[in-house]
């Protein structure tokens, strides 16, 4: 399961930029990686684990701006086509989960 966080925060004033930077640093500290500017993603082993990280993001939501959170499955993520210019690139590898019997 993948958790994606999309955000569009104001950056007009010095205070706005500080809030933007703090939010970005806090989601990165929680294991999110930049996919594109203002789009961060994190792989989670299960829906329950994804819910934990979603709650953490909700706790640090800034007062202003727009933030979206979306979960997609590994299969949906692997079907994504990613381009650099007109050149197709590989999707990031899916983290392997160990199963205990």
PDB file of N, CA and C in Angstrom:
ATOM      1  N   UNK A   1       0.840  -1.171   0.000  1.00  0.00           N
ATOM      2  CA  UNK A   1       0.000   0.000   0.000  1.00  0.00           C
ATOM      3  C   UNK A   1       0.888   1.239   0.000  1.00  0.00           C
ATOM      4  N   UNK A   2       0.489   2.236  -0.773  1.00  0.00           N
ATOM      5  CA  UNK A   2       1.220   3.502  -0.859  1.00  0.00           C
ATOM      6  C   UNK A   2       0.337   4.630  -0.350  1.00  0.00           C
ATOM      7  N   UNK A   3       0.913   5.518   0.431  1.00  0.00           N
ATOM      8  CA  UNK A   3       0.221   6.708   0.894  1.00  0.00           C
ATOM      9  C   UNK A   3       0.846   7.898   0.173  1.00  0.00           C
ATOM     10  N   UNK A   4       0.004   8.673  -0.507  1.00  0.00           N
ATOM     11  CA  UNK A   4       0.457   9.864  -1.206  1.00  0.00           C
ATOM     12  C   UNK A   4      -0.106  11.089  -0.497  1.00  0.00           C
ATOM     13  N   UNK A   5       0.731  12.086  -0.307  1.00  0.00           N
ATOM     14  CA  UNK A   5       0.324  13.357   0.290  1.00  0.00           C
ATOM     15  C   UNK A   5       0.580  14.444  -0.745  1.00  0.00           C
ATOM     16  N   UNK A   6      -0.485  15.138  -1.131  1.00  0.00           N
ATOM     17  CA  UNK A   6      -0.411  16.240  -2.090  1.00  0.00           C
ATOM     18  C   UNK A   6      -0.678  17.518  -1.307  1.00  0.00           C
ATOM     19  N   UNK A   7       0.124  18.553  -1.538  1.00  0.00           N
ATOM     20  CA  UNK A   7      -0.169  19.787  -0.819  1.00  0.00           C
ATOM     21  C   UNK A   7       0.186  21.017  -1.638  1.00  0.00           C
ATOM     22  N   UNK A   8      -0.592  22.047  -1.378  1.00  0.00           N
ATOM     23  CA  UNK A   8      -0.399  23.350  -1.988  1.00  0.00           C
ATOM     24  C   UNK A   8      -0.551  24.362  -0.862  1.00  0.00           C
ATOM     25  N   UNK A   9       0.581  24.810  -0.337  1.00  0.00           N
ATOM     26  CA  UNK A   9       0.577  25.710   0.808  1.00  0.00           C
ATOM     27  C   UNK A   9       1.045  27.101   0.381  1.00  0.00           C
ATOM     28  N   UNK A  10       0.531  28.147   1.032  1.00  0.00           N
ATOM     29  CA  UNK A  10       0.953  29.498   0.675  1.00  0.00           C
ATOM     30  C   UNK A  10       2.421  29.743   1.030  1.00  0.00           C
ATOM     31  N   UNK A  11       3.091  30.551   0.219  1.00  0.00           N
ATOM     32  CA  UNK A  11       4.505  30.879   0.453  1.00  0.00           C
ATOM     33  C   UNK A  11       4.771  32.371   0.247  1.00  0.00           C
ATOM     34  N   UNK A  12       3.740  33.205   0.379  1.00  0.00           N
ATOM     35  CA  UNK A  12       3.899  34.637   0.121  1.00  0.00           C
ATOM     36  C   UNK A  12       4.759  35.338   1.172  1.00  0.00           C
ATOM     37  N   UNK A  13       4.554  35.005   2.422  1.00  0.00           N
ATOM     38  CA  UNK A  13       5.286  35.685   3.489  1.00  0.00           C
ATOM     39  C   UNK A  13       6.360  34.768   4.068  1.00  0.00           C
ATOM     40  N   UNK A  14       7.251  35.380   4.844  1.00  0.00           N
ATOM     41  CA  UNK A  14       8.300  34.601   5.498  1.00  0.00           C
ATOM     42  C   UNK A  14       7.696  33.562   6.439  1.00  0.00           C
ATOM     43  N   UNK A  15       6.625  33.955   7.157  1.00  0.00           N
ATOM     44  CA  UNK A  15       5.947  33.033   8.073  1.00  0.00           C
ATOM     45  C   UNK A  15       5.341  31.861   7.298  1.00  0.00           C
ATOM     46  N   UNK A  16       4.712  32.140   6.142  1.00  0.00           N
ATOM     47  CA  UNK A  16       4.138  31.075   5.306  1.00  0.00           C
ATOM     48  C   UNK A  16       5.208  30.093   4.849  1.00  0.00           C
ATOM     49  N   UNK A  17       6.352  30.620   4.427  1.00  0.00           N
ATOM     50  CA  UNK A  17       7.449  29.749   3.962  1.00  0.00           C
ATOM     51  C   UNK A  17       7.981  28.880   5.100  1.00  0.00           C
ATOM     52  N   UNK A  18       8.015  29.437   6.300  1.00  0.00           N
ATOM     53  CA  UNK A  18       8.474  28.668   7.463  1.00  0.00           C
ATOM     54  C   UNK A  18       7.504  27.525   7.764  1.00  0.00           C
ATOM     55  N   UNK A  19       6.204  27.810   7.694  1.00  0.00           N
ATOM     56  CA  UNK A  19       5.184  26.781   7.925  1.00  0.00           C
ATOM     57  C   UNK A  19       5.275  25.698   6.849  1.00  0.00           C
ATOM     58  N   UNK A  20       5.463  26.114   5.586  1.00  0.00           N
ATOM     59  CA  UNK A  20       5.628  25.176   4.470  1.00  0.00           C
ATOM     60  C   UNK A  20       6.822  24.255   4.722  1.00  0.00           C
ATOM     61  N   UNK A  21       7.959  24.848   5.079  1.00  0.00           N
ATOM     62  CA  UNK A  21       9.182  24.064   5.309  1.00  0.00           C
ATOM     63  C   UNK A  21       9.014  23.104   6.483  1.00  0.00           C
ATOM     64  N   UNK A  22       8.347  23.557   7.532  1.00  0.00           N
ATOM     65  CA  UNK A  22       8.133  22.698   8.706  1.00  0.00           C
ATOM     66  C   UNK A  22       7.260  21.495   8.351  1.00  0.00           C
ATOM     67  N   UNK A  23       6.171  21.731   7.625  1.00  0.00           N
ATOM     68  CA  UNK A  23       5.290  20.636   7.223  1.00  0.00           C
ATOM     69  C   UNK A  23       6.060  19.625   6.371  1.00  0.00           C
ATOM     70  N   UNK A  24       6.800  20.136   5.391  1.00  0.00           N
ATOM     71  CA  UNK A  24       7.577  19.270   4.495  1.00  0.00           C
ATOM     72  C   UNK A  24       8.604  18.439   5.286  1.00  0.00           C
ATOM     73  N   UNK A  25       9.313  19.070   6.197  1.00  0.00           N
ATOM     74  CA  UNK A  25      10.323  18.353   7.000  1.00  0.00           C
ATOM     75  C   UNK A  25       9.680  17.296   7.895  1.00  0.00           C
ATOM     76  N   UNK A  26       8.507  17.611   8.438  1.00  0.00           N
ATOM     77  CA  UNK A  26       7.848  16.654   9.333  1.00  0.00           C
ATOM     78  C   UNK A  26       7.331  15.432   8.590  1.00  0.00           C
ATOM     79  N   UNK A  27       6.806  15.610   7.378  1.00  0.00           N
ATOM     80  CA  UNK A  27       6.358  14.412   6.653  1.00  0.00           C
ATOM     81  C   UNK A  27       7.561  13.601   6.172  1.00  0.00           C
ATOM     82  N   UNK A  28       8.666  14.280   5.850  1.00  0.00           N
ATOM     83  CA  UNK A  28       9.877  13.546   5.464  1.00  0.00           C
ATOM     84  C   UNK A  28      10.446  12.771   6.654  1.00  0.00           C
ATOM     85  N   UNK A  29      10.358  13.351   7.842  1.00  0.00           N
ATOM     86  CA  UNK A  29      10.816  12.659   9.051  1.00  0.00           C
ATOM     87  C   UNK A  29       9.973  11.417   9.328  1.00  0.00           C
ATOM     88  N   UNK A  30       8.738  11.411   8.834  1.00  0.00           N
ATOM     89  CA  UNK A  30       7.850  10.252   9.005  1.00  0.00           C
ATOM     90  C   UNK A  30       8.044   9.224   7.887  1.00  0.00           C
ATOM     91  N   UNK A  31       9.032   9.429   7.025  1.00  0.00           N
ATOM     92  CA  UNK A  31       9.349   8.421   6.016  1.00  0.00           C
ATOM     93  C   UNK A  31       8.804   8.698   4.627  1.00  0.00           C
ATOM     94  N   UNK A  32       8.198   9.851   4.408  1.00  0.00           N
ATOM     95  CA  UNK A  32       7.716  10.196   3.075  1.00  0.00           C
ATOM     96  C   UNK A  32       8.870  10.702   2.227  1.00  0.00           C
ATOM     97  N   UNK A  33       8.846  10.368   0.950  1.00  0.00           N
ATOM     98  CA  UNK A  33       9.861  10.819  -0.001  1.00  0.00           C
ATOM     99  C   UNK A  33       9.206  11.635  -1.095  1.00  0.00           C
ATOM    100  N   UNK A  34       9.955  12.623  -1.607  1.00  0.00           N
ATOM    101  CA  UNK A  34       9.404  13.473  -2.651  1.00  0.00           C
ATOM    102  C   UNK A  34       9.278  12.691  -3.952  1.00  0.00           C
ATOM    103  N   UNK A  35       8.088  12.726  -4.537  1.00  0.00           N
ATOM    104  CA  UNK A  35       7.834  12.128  -5.839  1.00  0.00           C
ATOM    105  C   UNK A  35       7.884  13.217  -6.902  1.00  0.00           C
ATOM    106  N   UNK A  36       7.234  14.327  -6.625  1.00  0.00           N
ATOM    107  CA  UNK A  36       7.302  15.552  -7.415  1.00  0.00           C
ATOM    108  C   UNK A  36       7.192  16.692  -6.422  1.00  0.00           C
ATOM    109  N   UNK A  37       7.397  17.922  -6.888  1.00  0.00           N
ATOM    110  CA  UNK A  37       7.236  19.054  -5.987  1.00  0.00           C
ATOM    111  C   UNK A  37       5.834  19.002  -5.380  1.00  0.00           C
ATOM    112  N   UNK A  38       5.768  19.042  -4.083  1.00  0.00           N
ATOM    113  CA  UNK A  38       4.509  19.033  -3.319  1.00  0.00           C
ATOM    114  C   UNK A  38       3.715  17.738  -3.430  1.00  0.00           C
ATOM    115  N   UNK A  39       4.360  16.658  -3.880  1.00  0.00           N
ATOM    116  CA  UNK A  39       3.749  15.324  -3.856  1.00  0.00           C
ATOM    117  C   UNK A  39       4.758  14.386  -3.200  1.00  0.00           C
ATOM    118  N   UNK A  40       4.370  13.843  -2.064  1.00  0.00           N
ATOM    119  CA  UNK A  40       5.250  12.952  -1.315  1.00  0.00           C
ATOM    120  C   UNK A  40       4.567  11.608  -1.145  1.00  0.00           C
ATOM    121  N   UNK A  41       5.361  10.542  -1.115  1.00  0.00           N
ATOM    122  CA  UNK A  41       4.782   9.209  -0.975  1.00  0.00           C
ATOM    123  C   UNK A  41       5.575   8.360  -0.009  1.00  0.00           C
ATOM    124  N   UNK A  42       4.882   7.353   0.503  1.00  0.00           N
ATOM    125  CA  UNK A  42       5.486   6.422   1.466  1.00  0.00           C
ATOM    126  C   UNK A  42       4.859   5.057   1.279  1.00  0.00           C
ATOM    127  N   UNK A  43       5.709   4.030   1.293  1.00  0.00           N
ATOM    128  CA  UNK A  43       5.203   2.659   1.217  1.00  0.00           C
ATOM    129  C   UNK A  43       4.867   2.180   2.625  1.00  0.00           C
ATOM    130  N   UNK A  44       3.737   1.509   2.752  1.00  0.00           N
ATOM    131  CA  UNK A  44       3.307   0.946   4.040  1.00  0.00           C
ATOM    132  C   UNK A  44       2.995  -0.534   3.840  1.00  0.00           C
ATOM    133  N   UNK A  45       3.301  -1.325   4.830  1.00  0.00           N
ATOM    134  CA  UNK A  45       3.135  -2.774   4.735  1.00  0.00           C
ATOM    135  C   UNK A  45       1.676  -3.216   4.757  1.00  0.00           C
ATOM    136  N   UNK A  46       0.802  -2.400   5.342  1.00  0.00           N
ATOM    137  CA  UNK A  46      -0.606  -2.801   5.466  1.00  0.00           C
ATOM    138  C   UNK A  46      -1.485  -1.558   5.550  1.00  0.00           C
ATOM    139  N   UNK A  47      -2.787  -1.760   5.464  1.00  0.00           N
ATOM    140  CA  UNK A  47      -3.743  -0.663   5.602  1.00  0.00           C
ATOM    141  C   UNK A  47      -3.668  -0.080   7.012  1.00  0.00           C
ATOM    142  N   UNK A  48      -3.471  -0.925   8.008  1.00  0.00           N
ATOM    143  CA  UNK A  48      -3.368  -0.460   9.384  1.00  0.00           C
ATOM    144  C   UNK A  48      -2.148   0.440   9.554  1.00  0.00           C
ATOM    145  N   UNK A  49      -1.024   0.052   8.952  1.00  0.00           N
ATOM    146  CA  UNK A  49       0.187   0.858   9.012  1.00  0.00           C
ATOM    147  C   UNK A  49      -0.008   2.184   8.270  1.00  0.00           C
ATOM    148  N   UNK A  50      -0.700   2.136   7.138  1.00  0.00           N
ATOM    149  CA  UNK A  50      -0.997   3.357   6.381  1.00  0.00           C
ATOM    150  C   UNK A  50      -1.851   4.302   7.226  1.00  0.00           C
ATOM    151  N   UNK A  51      -2.818   3.758   7.948  1.00  0.00           N
ATOM    152  CA  UNK A  51      -3.684   4.575   8.792  1.00  0.00           C
ATOM    153  C   UNK A  51      -2.884   5.321   9.869  1.00  0.00           C
ATOM    154  N   UNK A  52      -1.854   4.668  10.404  1.00  0.00           N
ATOM    155  CA  UNK A  52      -0.991   5.305  11.408  1.00  0.00           C
ATOM    156  C   UNK A  52      -0.318   6.536  10.806  1.00  0.00           C
ATOM    157  N   UNK A  53       0.223   6.398   9.605  1.00  0.00           N
ATOM    158  CA  UNK A  53       0.930   7.512   8.977  1.00  0.00           C
ATOM    159  C   UNK A  53      -0.031   8.609   8.513  1.00  0.00           C
ATOM    160  N   UNK A  54      -1.217   8.228   8.113  1.00  0.00           N
ATOM    161  CA  UNK A  54      -2.229   9.221   7.744  1.00  0.00           C
ATOM    162  C   UNK A  54      -2.616  10.055   8.964  1.00  0.00           C
ATOM    163  N   UNK A  55      -2.774   9.407  10.113  1.00  0.00           N
ATOM    164  CA  UNK A  55      -3.100  10.134  11.344  1.00  0.00           C
ATOM    165  C   UNK A  55      -1.992  11.114  11.712  1.00  0.00           C
ATOM    166  N   UNK A  56      -0.730  10.713  11.481  1.00  0.00           N
ATOM    167  CA  UNK A  56       0.398  11.600  11.781  1.00  0.00           C
ATOM    168  C   UNK A  56       0.374  12.832  10.882  1.00  0.00           C
ATOM    169  N   UNK A  57       0.052  12.642   9.614  1.00  0.00           N
ATOM    170  CA  UNK A  57      -0.030  13.777   8.702  1.00  0.00           C
ATOM    171  C   UNK A  57      -1.175  14.700   9.125  1.00  0.00           C
ATOM    172  N   UNK A  58      -2.306  14.122   9.478  1.00  0.00           N
ATOM    173  CA  UNK A  58      -3.455  14.929   9.894  1.00  0.00           C
ATOM    174  C   UNK A  58      -3.149  15.752  11.144  1.00  0.00           C
ATOM    175  N   UNK A  59      -2.285  15.230  12.029  1.00  0.00           N
ATOM    176  CA  UNK A  59      -1.918  15.943  13.246  1.00  0.00           C
ATOM    177  C   UNK A  59      -1.123  17.211  12.958  1.00  0.00           C
ATOM    178  N   UNK A  60      -0.370  17.218  11.856  1.00  0.00           N
ATOM    179  CA  UNK A  60       0.523  18.352  11.574  1.00  0.00           C
ATOM    180  C   UNK A  60       0.003  19.248  10.449  1.00  0.00           C
ATOM    181  N   UNK A  61      -1.268  19.099  10.081  1.00  0.00           N
ATOM    182  CA  UNK A  61      -1.816  19.916   9.003  1.00  0.00           C
ATOM    183  C   UNK A  61      -1.695  21.404   9.338  1.00  0.00           C
ATOM    184  N   UNK A  62      -1.212  22.206   8.377  1.00  0.00           N
ATOM    185  CA  UNK A  62      -1.139  23.647   8.614  1.00  0.00           C
ATOM    186  C   UNK A  62      -2.522  24.297   8.566  1.00  0.00           C
ATOM    187  N   UNK A  63      -2.628  25.500   9.117  1.00  0.00           N
ATOM    188  CA  UNK A  63      -3.895  26.228   9.166  1.00  0.00           C
ATOM    189  C   UNK A  63      -4.385  26.618   7.775  1.00  0.00           C
ATOM    190  N   UNK A  64      -3.463  27.007   6.893  1.00  0.00           N
ATOM    191  CA  UNK A  64      -3.819  27.466   5.549  1.00  0.00           C
ATOM    192  C   UNK A  64      -3.361  26.450   4.511  1.00  0.00           C
ATOM    193  N   UNK A  65      -3.906  26.575   3.312  1.00  0.00           N
ATOM    194  CA  UNK A  65      -3.469  25.723   2.217  1.00  0.00           C
ATOM    195  C   UNK A  65      -4.361  24.519   2.017  1.00  0.00           C
ATOM    196  N   UNK A  66      -4.006  23.735   1.013  1.00  0.00           N
ATOM    197  CA  UNK A  66      -4.759  22.528   0.671  1.00  0.00           C
ATOM    198  C   UNK A  66      -3.843  21.322   0.784  1.00  0.00           C
ATOM    199  N   UNK A  67      -4.335  20.270   1.425  1.00  0.00           N
ATOM    200  CA  UNK A  67      -3.584  19.020   1.571  1.00  0.00           C
ATOM    201  C   UNK A  67      -4.518  17.874   1.212  1.00  0.00           C
ATOM    202  N   UNK A  68      -4.046  16.968   0.361  1.00  0.00           N
ATOM    203  CA  UNK A  68      -4.798  15.770   0.017  1.00  0.00           C
ATOM    204  C   UNK A  68      -4.003  14.539   0.405  1.00  0.00           C
ATOM    205  N   UNK A  69      -4.692  13.516   0.852  1.00  0.00           N
ATOM    206  CA  UNK A  69      -4.053  12.251   1.228  1.00  0.00           C
ATOM    207  C   UNK A  69      -4.786  11.139   0.490  1.00  0.00           C
ATOM    208  N   UNK A  70      -4.031  10.256  -0.159  1.00  0.00           N
ATOM    209  CA  UNK A  70      -4.645   9.171  -0.914  1.00  0.00           C
ATOM    210  C   UNK A  70      -3.842   7.887  -0.723  1.00  0.00           C
ATOM    211  N   UNK A  71      -4.549   6.773  -0.629  1.00  0.00           N
ATOM    212  CA  UNK A  71      -3.913   5.458  -0.560  1.00  0.00           C
ATOM    213  C   UNK A  71      -4.156   4.715  -1.865  1.00  0.00           C
ATOM    214  N   UNK A  72      -3.119   4.067  -2.352  1.00  0.00           N
ATOM    215  CA  UNK A  72      -3.261   3.197  -3.523  1.00  0.00           C
ATOM    216  C   UNK A  72      -2.520   1.894  -3.238  1.00  0.00           C
ATOM    217  N   UNK A  73      -2.933   0.845  -3.923  1.00  0.00           N
ATOM    218  CA  UNK A  73      -2.306  -0.464  -3.723  1.00  0.00           C
ATOM    219  C   UNK A  73      -0.997  -0.546  -4.495  1.00  0.00           C
ATOM    220  N   UNK A  74      -0.194  -1.559  -4.167  1.00  0.00           N
ATOM    221  CA  UNK A  74       1.049  -1.800  -4.902  1.00  0.00           C
ATOM    222  C   UNK A  74       0.770  -2.030  -6.383  1.00  0.00           C
ATOM    223  N   UNK A  75      -0.310  -2.756  -6.682  1.00  0.00           N
ATOM    224  CA  UNK A  75      -0.650  -3.038  -8.076  1.00  0.00           C
ATOM    225  C   UNK A  75      -0.997  -1.758  -8.823  1.00  0.00           C
ATOM    226  N   UNK A  76      -1.799  -0.890  -8.204  1.00  0.00           N
ATOM    227  CA  UNK A  76      -2.134   0.378  -8.841  1.00  0.00           C
ATOM    228  C   UNK A  76      -0.885   1.229  -9.052  1.00  0.00           C
ATOM    229  N   UNK A  77       0.001   1.248  -8.067  1.00  0.00           N
ATOM    230  CA  UNK A  77       1.235   2.028  -8.173  1.00  0.00           C
ATOM    231  C   UNK A  77       2.114   1.504  -9.304  1.00  0.00           C
ATOM    232  N   UNK A  78       2.183   0.184  -9.437  1.00  0.00           N
ATOM    233  CA  UNK A  78       3.056  -0.402 -10.465  1.00  0.00           C
ATOM    234  C   UNK A  78       2.529  -0.159 -11.879  1.00  0.00           C
ATOM    235  N   UNK A  79       1.248   0.173 -12.018  1.00  0.00           N
ATOM    236  CA  UNK A  79       0.682   0.451 -13.340  1.00  0.00           C
ATOM    237  C   UNK A  79       0.913   1.897 -13.785  1.00  0.00           C
ATOM    238  N   UNK A  80       1.502   2.702 -12.929  1.00  0.00           N
ATOM    239  CA  UNK A  80       1.754   4.100 -13.261  1.00  0.00           C
ATOM    240  C   UNK A  80       2.851   4.205 -14.328  1.00  0.00           C
ATOM    241  N   UNK A  81       2.654   5.093 -15.273  1.00  0.00           N
ATOM    242  CA  UNK A  81       3.681   5.378 -16.271  1.00  0.00           C
ATOM    243  C   UNK A  81       4.330   6.704 -15.893  1.00  0.00           C
ATOM    244  N   UNK A  82       5.656   6.704 -15.803  1.00  0.00           N
ATOM    245  CA  UNK A  82       6.398   7.892 -15.400  1.00  0.00           C
ATOM    246  C   UNK A  82       7.329   8.290 -16.546  1.00  0.00           C
ATOM    247  N   UNK A  83       7.317   9.574 -16.896  1.00  0.00           N
ATOM    248  CA  UNK A  83       8.130  10.076 -17.995  1.00  0.00           C
ATOM    249  C   UNK A  83       9.064  11.172 -17.505  1.00  0.00           C
ATOM    250  N   UNK A  84      10.251  11.199 -18.062  1.00  0.00           N
ATOM    251  CA  UNK A  84      11.189  12.307 -17.894  1.00  0.00           C
ATOM    252  C   UNK A  84      11.316  12.920 -19.275  1.00  0.00           C
ATOM    253  N   UNK A  85      10.649  14.043 -19.482  1.00  0.00           N
ATOM    254  CA  UNK A  85      10.522  14.564 -20.833  1.00  0.00           C
ATOM    255  C   UNK A  85       9.626  13.606 -21.601  1.00  0.00           C
ATOM    256  N   UNK A  86      10.092  13.121 -22.735  1.00  0.00           N
ATOM    257  CA  UNK A  86       9.313  12.147 -23.507  1.00  0.00           C
ATOM    258  C   UNK A  86       9.782  10.722 -23.277  1.00  0.00           C
ATOM    259  N   UNK A  87      10.799  10.567 -22.439  1.00  0.00           N
ATOM    260  CA  UNK A  87      11.380   9.242 -22.202  1.00  0.00           C
ATOM    261  C   UNK A  87      10.700   8.553 -21.025  1.00  0.00           C
ATOM    262  N   UNK A  88      10.204   7.337 -21.259  1.00  0.00           N
ATOM    263  CA  UNK A  88       9.571   6.536 -20.213  1.00  0.00           C
ATOM    264  C   UNK A  88      10.632   6.035 -19.249  1.00  0.00           C
ATOM    265  N   UNK A  89      10.387   6.170 -17.952  1.00  0.00           N
ATOM    266  CA  UNK A  89      11.320   5.668 -16.939  1.00  0.00           C
ATOM    267  C   UNK A  89      10.642   4.572 -16.128  1.00  0.00           C
ATOM    268  N   UNK A  90      11.420   3.836 -15.381  1.00  0.00           N
ATOM    269  CA  UNK A  90      10.890   2.769 -14.533  1.00  0.00           C
ATOM    270  C   UNK A  90      10.202   3.362 -13.317  1.00  0.00           C
ATOM    271  N   UNK A  91       9.139   2.687 -12.862  1.00  0.00           N
ATOM    272  CA  UNK A  91       8.508   3.094 -11.605  1.00  0.00           C
ATOM    273  C   UNK A  91       9.426   2.656 -10.472  1.00  0.00           C
ATOM    274  N   UNK A  92       9.407   3.380  -9.342  1.00  0.00           N
ATOM    275  CA  UNK A  92      10.221   2.966  -8.210  1.00  0.00           C
ATOM    276  C   UNK A  92       9.859   1.544  -7.781  1.00  0.00           C
ATOM    277  N   UNK A  93      10.847   0.755  -7.345  1.00  0.00           N
ATOM    278  CA  UNK A  93      10.546  -0.621  -6.956  1.00  0.00           C
ATOM    279  C   UNK A  93       9.635  -0.685  -5.738  1.00  0.00           C
ATOM    280  N   UNK A  94       8.794  -1.695  -5.707  1.00  0.00           N
ATOM    281  CA  UNK A  94       7.897  -1.916  -4.589  1.00  0.00           C
ATOM    282  C   UNK A  94       8.686  -2.606  -3.486  1.00  0.00           C
ATOM    283  N   UNK A  95       8.559  -2.106  -2.262  1.00  0.00           N
ATOM    284  CA  UNK A  95       9.235  -2.723  -1.129  1.00  0.00           C
ATOM    285  C   UNK A  95       8.671  -4.118  -0.892  1.00  0.00           C
ATOM    286  N   UNK A  96       9.542  -5.047  -0.606  1.00  0.00           N
ATOM    287  CA  UNK A  96       9.119  -6.420  -0.367  1.00  0.00           C
ATOM    288  C   UNK A  96       8.726  -6.579   1.099  1.00  0.00           C
ATOM    289  N   UNK A  97       7.640  -7.275   1.316  1.00  0.00           N
ATOM    290  CA  UNK A  97       7.167  -7.524   2.673  1.00  0.00           C
ATOM    291  C   UNK A  97       7.431  -8.982   3.013  1.00  0.00           C
ATOM    292  N   UNK A  98       8.000  -9.207   4.187  1.00  0.00           N
ATOM    293  CA  UNK A  98       8.261 -10.571   4.647  1.00  0.00           C
ATOM    294  C   UNK A  98       6.977 -11.165   5.230  1.00  0.00           C
ATOM    295  N   UNK A  99       6.763 -12.425   4.955  1.00  0.00           N
ATOM    296  CA  UNK A  99       5.603 -13.119   5.521  1.00  0.00           C
ATOM    297  C   UNK A  99       6.102 -14.156   6.518  1.00  0.00           C
ATOM    298  N   UNK A 100       5.482 -14.168   7.678  1.00  0.00           N
ATOM    299  CA  UNK A 100       5.825 -15.166   8.688  1.00  0.00           C
ATOM    300  C   UNK A 100       4.732 -16.195   8.754  1.00  0.00           C
ATOM    301  N   UNK A 101       5.117 -17.440   8.800  1.00  0.00           N
ATOM    302  CA  UNK A 101       4.133 -18.538   8.824  1.00  0.00           C
ATOM    303  C   UNK A 101       3.989 -19.100  10.209  1.00  0.00           C
TER     304      UNK A 101
END
